[in-house]
Amino acid sequence: MDGRRKFFFCSALVKSQMARERPKKITPKEETVQIVSRGLLHRRSLTLAAGMAALFVVAGCSKKAAPPPPPPPITNNGPAPTATITATPGVINAGGTVILSWRTTDASDVSIDGIGAVPSAGTRTVQPTESTNYHLVAKGSGGSTDATARVTVNAAPAPVSNLSESDVTDSTFHQNVKDVFFDYDSYDIRADAQSTISSDANFLNQHPTLKVVIGGYCDERGSTEYNLALGENRANAAKQGLVTAGVSPDRLRTVSYGKEKQFCTEHDESCWQLNRRAQFSMDK
């Protein structure tokens, strides 16, 4: 093929190729279809990407989770127990007895040292041979508490000399028979006076012919009439204490002095306490 023919052949080949590559004109309807198709394709791509992301999240969540922390320890939610214990009398001579009284609330386990388990409330008679602390412990769902009552045991008194009644002087009598004292506006025998009356009765029982007058006294406060009645009640309470301890009531006489006779004339509590008493004297 000569050069001129070859040139025309190549030109025709190029034009044919260009004609094949030239984009074909499309109608508006076809263009709309293509746009919709591209939108659907885009949404499918987004859906696929979201699915892959969810797959990765699920895969990550499928890892074994850390175990939960242990539950907090069980705490005591019940009410706190309460406890009280008393000893009457609080002071005794050797060989004497004491009544213990106790009361607890919200306690399921109650015990007293030296006695053991006891009910939640009650009384018990004990005879300590030496001064003792009675320690009570009460336990319940709300915790524990304790209380203590002390009993003082006096040493046995020295034997009284074998004096005849005619040899007992006022001084000897008052050395062995002590007065008892009272709280304000009261004629109850106090716990600390119980041991005094016991010792007084011991001396009187060893001298059975001695007769005693018991005087009831009050401090200066209150009316004369009121204190005469209060003094009489105090003298009778002391008399009853001696009778309970074994002294014959025929040997005992009572009298009330009210506030008319004062052992102390100061105007304060320490002085008033000295005036609130039952005094024992020989009835001659």
Protein backbone atom coordinates (compact mmCIF):
# COMPACT_ATOMS: atom_id res chain seq x y z
CA MET A 1 0.00 0.00 0.00
CA ASP A 2 1.38 3.36 -1.06
CA GLY A 3 1.64 6.27 1.37
CA ARG A 4 -1.48 8.11 0.23
CA ARG A 5 -3.72 5.11 0.58
CA LYS A 6 -2.22 4.27 3.90
CA PHE A 7 -2.98 7.76 5.19
CA PHE A 8 -6.63 7.58 4.22
CA PHE A 9 -6.96 4.14 5.82
CA CYS A 10 -5.56 5.31 9.18
CA SER A 11 -7.78 8.39 9.19
CA ALA A 12 -10.87 6.27 8.62
CA LEU A 13 -9.80 3.91 11.47
CA VAL A 14 -9.39 6.80 13.92
CA LYS A 15 -12.76 8.30 13.04
CA SER A 16 -14.42 4.94 13.48
CA GLN A 17 -12.84 4.54 16.94
CA MET A 18 -13.87 8.04 17.94
CA ALA A 19 -17.38 7.40 16.80
CA ARG A 20 -17.56 4.32 18.98
CA GLU A 21 -16.21 6.25 22.05
CA ARG A 22 -18.46 9.30 21.60
CA PRO A 23 -21.15 9.17 24.30
CA LYS A 24 -24.53 8.35 23.07
CA LYS A 25 -27.17 10.98 23.58
CA ILE A 26 -29.87 9.91 26.07
CA THR A 27 -33.40 11.05 26.55
CA PRO A 28 -34.63 12.88 29.72
CA LYS A 29 -36.47 9.74 30.84
CA GLU A 30 -33.32 7.66 30.58
CA GLU A 31 -31.39 10.33 32.49
CA THR A 32 -33.99 10.18 35.33
CA VAL A 33 -33.68 6.40 35.49
CA GLN A 34 -29.89 6.69 35.73
CA ILE A 35 -30.14 9.23 38.59
CA VAL A 36 -32.52 7.00 40.51
CA SER A 37 -30.24 4.01 39.93
CA ARG A 38 -27.23 5.90 41.22
CA GLY A 39 -29.22 6.95 44.36
CA LEU A 40 -30.23 3.37 45.04
CA LEU A 41 -26.64 2.25 44.60
CA HIS A 42 -25.47 4.93 47.07
CA ARG A 43 -28.03 3.90 49.65
CA ARG A 44 -27.04 0.27 49.29
CA SER A 45 -23.41 1.26 49.89
CA LEU A 46 -24.38 3.14 53.07
CA THR A 47 -26.49 0.22 54.27
CA LEU A 48 -23.60 -2.16 53.66
CA ALA A 49 -21.19 0.11 55.54
CA ALA A 50 -23.60 0.37 58.48
CA GLY A 51 -24.00 -3.39 58.54
CA MET A 52 -20.24 -3.90 58.60
CA ALA A 53 -19.93 -1.38 61.47
CA ALA A 54 -22.65 -3.15 63.45
CA LEU A 55 -20.90 -6.45 62.81
CA PHE A 56 -17.68 -5.05 64.26
CA VAL A 57 -19.55 -3.67 67.29
CA VAL A 58 -21.26 -7.01 67.92
CA ALA A 59 -17.95 -8.77 67.55
CA GLY A 60 -16.40 -6.38 70.06
CA CYS A 61 -19.30 -6.83 72.52
CA SER A 62 -19.02 -10.58 72.30
CA LYS A 63 -15.84 -10.39 74.34
CA LYS A 64 -16.21 -11.79 77.89
CA ALA A 65 -17.34 -9.04 80.28
CA ALA A 66 -15.58 -8.49 83.61
CA PRO A 67 -17.34 -10.21 86.55
CA PRO A 68 -19.53 -7.87 88.70
CA PRO A 69 -18.14 -6.72 92.04
CA PRO A 70 -19.08 -8.82 95.09
CA PRO A 71 -22.20 -7.69 96.98
CA PRO A 72 -21.62 -5.45 100.00
CA PRO A 73 -21.47 -7.23 103.37
CA ILE A 74 -24.74 -7.64 105.21
CA THR A 75 -25.09 -4.95 107.84
CA ASN A 76 -26.99 -5.08 111.10
CA ASN A 77 -30.29 -3.39 110.44
CA GLY A 78 -32.08 -4.27 113.69
CA PRO A 79 -32.54 -1.82 116.57
CA ALA A 80 -29.68 -1.57 119.03
CA PRO A 81 -30.31 -3.51 122.26
CA THR A 82 -30.60 -1.77 125.63
CA ALA A 83 -29.81 -3.15 129.08
CA THR A 84 -30.06 -2.14 132.74
CA ILE A 85 -29.18 -4.02 135.92
CA THR A 86 -29.52 -3.05 139.58
CA ALA A 87 -28.48 -4.65 142.87
CA THR A 88 -30.55 -4.12 146.03
CA PRO A 89 -29.04 -3.45 148.47
CA GLY A 90 -25.77 -2.24 147.01
CA VAL A 91 -23.90 -2.70 150.30
CA ILE A 92 -24.20 -5.76 152.57
CA ASN A 93 -22.38 -7.36 155.44
CA ALA A 94 -20.73 -10.72 154.96
CA GLY A 95 -23.39 -13.41 154.70
CA GLY A 96 -26.08 -11.02 153.42
CA THR A 97 -28.10 -11.45 150.24
CA VAL A 98 -28.74 -9.17 147.27
CA ILE A 99 -31.54 -9.07 144.71
CA LEU A 100 -30.36 -8.51 141.15
CA SER A 101 -32.94 -7.02 138.78
CA TRP A 102 -32.32 -6.58 135.08
CA ARG A 103 -34.20 -5.63 131.94
CA THR A 104 -33.19 -5.65 128.26
CA THR A 105 -34.83 -4.79 124.94
CA ASP A 106 -34.14 -6.06 121.39
CA ALA A 107 -31.73 -8.70 122.71
CA SER A 108 -31.75 -12.41 121.85
CA ASP A 109 -28.74 -13.43 123.97
CA VAL A 110 -28.42 -12.15 127.55
CA SER A 111 -25.87 -13.29 130.13
CA ILE A 112 -24.44 -12.15 133.48
CA ASP A 113 -20.83 -12.87 134.38
CA GLY A 114 -20.65 -15.52 137.09
CA ILE A 115 -24.27 -16.56 136.53
CA GLY A 116 -24.49 -17.42 132.82
CA ALA A 117 -27.38 -17.12 130.38
CA VAL A 118 -30.48 -15.41 131.79
CA PRO A 119 -33.88 -14.33 130.40
CA SER A 120 -34.23 -10.92 128.77
CA ALA A 121 -35.69 -9.60 132.04
CA GLY A 122 -35.91 -10.96 135.56
CA THR A 123 -34.63 -11.04 139.14
CA ARG A 124 -32.30 -13.33 141.07
CA THR A 125 -31.13 -13.51 144.67
CA VAL A 126 -27.38 -13.83 145.12
CA GLN A 127 -25.10 -14.06 148.14
CA PRO A 128 -21.66 -12.73 147.21
CA THR A 129 -18.83 -13.45 149.61
CA GLU A 130 -16.82 -10.46 148.45
CA SER A 131 -17.41 -7.17 146.67
CA THR A 132 -18.54 -8.04 143.14
CA ASN A 133 -19.36 -6.36 139.83
CA TYR A 134 -22.30 -8.08 138.15
CA HIS A 135 -21.67 -7.48 134.46
CA LEU A 136 -24.58 -8.05 132.07
CA VAL A 137 -24.08 -8.40 128.29
CA ALA A 138 -27.03 -8.23 125.85
CA LYS A 139 -26.65 -9.13 122.16
CA GLY A 140 -29.12 -8.81 119.30
CA SER A 141 -29.34 -8.28 115.55
CA GLY A 142 -28.61 -4.59 116.09
CA GLY A 143 -25.35 -5.11 118.01
CA SER A 144 -24.53 -5.54 121.69
CA THR A 145 -24.52 -3.52 124.90
CA ASP A 146 -23.70 -4.08 128.55
CA ALA A 147 -24.49 -2.82 132.05
CA THR A 148 -22.92 -3.32 135.48
CA ALA A 149 -24.16 -3.32 139.06
CA ARG A 150 -21.69 -3.33 141.94
CA VAL A 151 -22.26 -4.92 145.34
CA THR A 152 -19.94 -4.00 148.20
CA VAL A 153 -19.54 -6.66 150.89
CA ASN A 154 -18.39 -5.36 154.25
CA ALA A 155 -16.10 -7.52 156.31
CA ALA A 156 -17.72 -9.43 159.13
CA PRO A 157 -18.02 -7.14 162.18
CA ALA A 158 -15.82 -7.84 165.14
CA PRO A 159 -17.62 -9.81 167.81
CA VAL A 160 -19.33 -7.58 170.31
CA SER A 161 -18.00 -7.93 173.80
CA ASN A 162 -20.29 -9.74 176.19
CA LEU A 163 -21.49 -6.60 177.91
CA SER A 164 -24.56 -6.76 180.03
CA GLU A 165 -27.28 -4.27 179.24
CA SER A 166 -26.41 -2.35 182.40
CA ASP A 167 -22.86 -1.86 181.08
CA VAL A 168 -23.95 -0.42 177.72
CA THR A 169 -23.47 3.34 177.85
CA ASP A 170 -24.80 5.91 175.40
CA SER A 171 -21.35 6.10 173.87
CA THR A 172 -21.14 2.32 173.44
CA PHE A 173 -24.64 2.24 172.03
CA HIS A 174 -23.96 4.89 169.37
CA GLN A 175 -20.68 3.26 168.42
CA ASN A 176 -22.62 0.13 167.50
CA VAL A 177 -26.03 1.43 166.43
CA LYS A 178 -25.73 3.96 163.60
CA ASP A 179 -28.32 6.40 162.27
CA VAL A 180 -29.79 6.02 158.78
CA PHE A 181 -30.28 8.88 156.31
CA PHE A 182 -32.95 9.66 153.73
CA ASP A 183 -33.31 11.41 150.39
CA TYR A 184 -35.20 14.69 150.12
CA ASP A 185 -38.96 14.37 150.66
CA SER A 186 -38.67 10.58 151.02
CA TYR A 187 -38.92 7.97 153.77
CA ASP A 188 -37.71 4.99 151.70
CA ILE A 189 -34.74 3.12 153.16
CA ARG A 190 -31.88 3.69 150.73
CA ALA A 191 -29.64 0.91 149.50
CA ASP A 192 -26.68 2.23 151.48
CA ALA A 193 -28.81 2.22 154.67
CA GLN A 194 -29.73 -1.46 154.39
CA SER A 195 -26.34 -2.61 155.64
CA THR A 196 -26.50 -0.06 158.48
CA ILE A 197 -29.83 -1.41 159.71
CA SER A 198 -28.51 -4.97 159.43
CA SER A 199 -25.52 -4.09 161.61
CA ASP A 200 -27.74 -2.22 164.10
CA ALA A 201 -30.07 -5.21 164.39
CA ASN A 202 -27.11 -7.52 164.98
CA PHE A 203 -26.07 -5.50 168.03
CA LEU A 204 -29.61 -5.20 169.39
CA ASN A 205 -30.22 -8.93 169.00
CA GLN A 206 -27.15 -9.59 171.11
CA HIS A 207 -28.61 -7.33 173.83
CA PRO A 208 -32.24 -8.40 173.88
CA THR A 209 -33.26 -6.34 176.90
CA LEU A 210 -32.21 -3.00 175.45
CA LYS A 211 -35.10 -0.81 174.35
CA VAL A 212 -34.71 1.80 171.62
CA VAL A 213 -36.43 5.04 170.69
CA ILE A 214 -36.27 5.94 167.01
CA GLY A 215 -36.51 9.65 166.19
CA GLY A 216 -37.58 10.85 162.75
CA TYR A 217 -35.96 14.12 161.56
CA CYS A 218 -36.33 16.43 158.54
CA ASP A 219 -34.47 19.39 157.09
CA GLU A 220 -35.76 22.95 157.48
CA ARG A 221 -37.71 23.13 154.21
CA GLY A 222 -41.49 22.71 154.20
CA SER A 223 -44.20 23.37 156.78
CA THR A 224 -44.07 22.19 160.37
CA GLU A 225 -47.10 19.93 159.94
CA TYR A 226 -45.75 18.34 156.77
CA ASN A 227 -42.36 17.60 158.33
CA LEU A 228 -43.88 16.11 161.48
CA ALA A 229 -45.72 13.60 159.29
CA LEU A 230 -42.61 12.95 157.20
CA GLY A 231 -40.49 12.45 160.31
CA GLU A 232 -42.98 9.91 161.65
CA ASN A 233 -42.85 7.98 158.38
CA ARG A 234 -39.05 7.93 158.51
CA ALA A 235 -39.02 6.63 162.09
CA ASN A 236 -41.54 3.90 161.20
CA ALA A 237 -39.53 2.89 158.12
CA ALA A 238 -36.40 2.46 160.26
CA LYS A 239 -38.41 0.50 162.84
CA GLN A 240 -39.74 -1.83 160.18
CA GLY A 241 -36.18 -2.41 158.93
CA LEU A 242 -35.10 -3.55 162.40
CA VAL A 243 -38.16 -5.75 162.82
CA THR A 244 -37.46 -7.40 159.47
CA ALA A 245 -33.91 -8.08 160.71
CA GLY A 246 -35.21 -9.88 163.81
CA VAL A 247 -35.64 -7.19 166.48
CA SER A 248 -38.85 -7.47 168.46
CA PRO A 249 -41.20 -4.53 167.79
CA ASP A 250 -42.02 -4.38 171.52
CA ARG A 251 -38.53 -3.02 172.11
CA LEU A 252 -38.92 -0.15 169.64
CA ARG A 253 -40.67 3.19 170.09
CA THR A 254 -40.95 5.94 167.48
CA VAL A 255 -41.23 9.70 167.75
CA SER A 256 -41.22 12.48 165.13
CA TYR A 257 -39.28 15.70 165.63
CA GLY A 258 -40.02 17.05 162.15
CA LYS A 259 -37.81 20.06 161.52
CA GLU A 260 -37.84 21.26 165.13
CA LYS A 261 -34.47 19.71 166.02
CA GLN A 262 -31.62 20.27 163.58
CA PHE A 263 -28.20 18.59 163.68
CA CYS A 264 -26.78 21.18 161.28
CA THR A 265 -27.89 24.80 160.80
CA GLU A 266 -26.24 25.71 157.51
CA HIS A 267 -28.54 26.35 154.54
CA ASP A 268 -27.12 24.00 151.95
CA GLU A 269 -27.62 20.44 150.73
CA SER A 270 -24.75 18.89 152.68
CA CYS A 271 -26.27 20.23 155.89
CA TRP A 272 -29.84 19.30 154.96
CA GLN A 273 -28.70 15.73 154.29
CA LEU A 274 -27.46 15.42 157.88
CA ASN A 275 -30.88 16.51 159.15
CA ARG A 276 -32.86 13.96 157.10
CA ARG A 277 -32.38 10.94 159.34
CA ALA A 278 -33.74 8.34 161.70
CA GLN A 279 -31.73 8.38 164.93
CA PHE A 280 -31.50 5.47 167.36
CA SER A 281 -31.12 6.09 171.08
CA MET A 282 -31.52 3.97 174.22
CA ASP A 283 -35.02 4.27 175.63
CA LYS A 284 -34.40 4.70 179.35
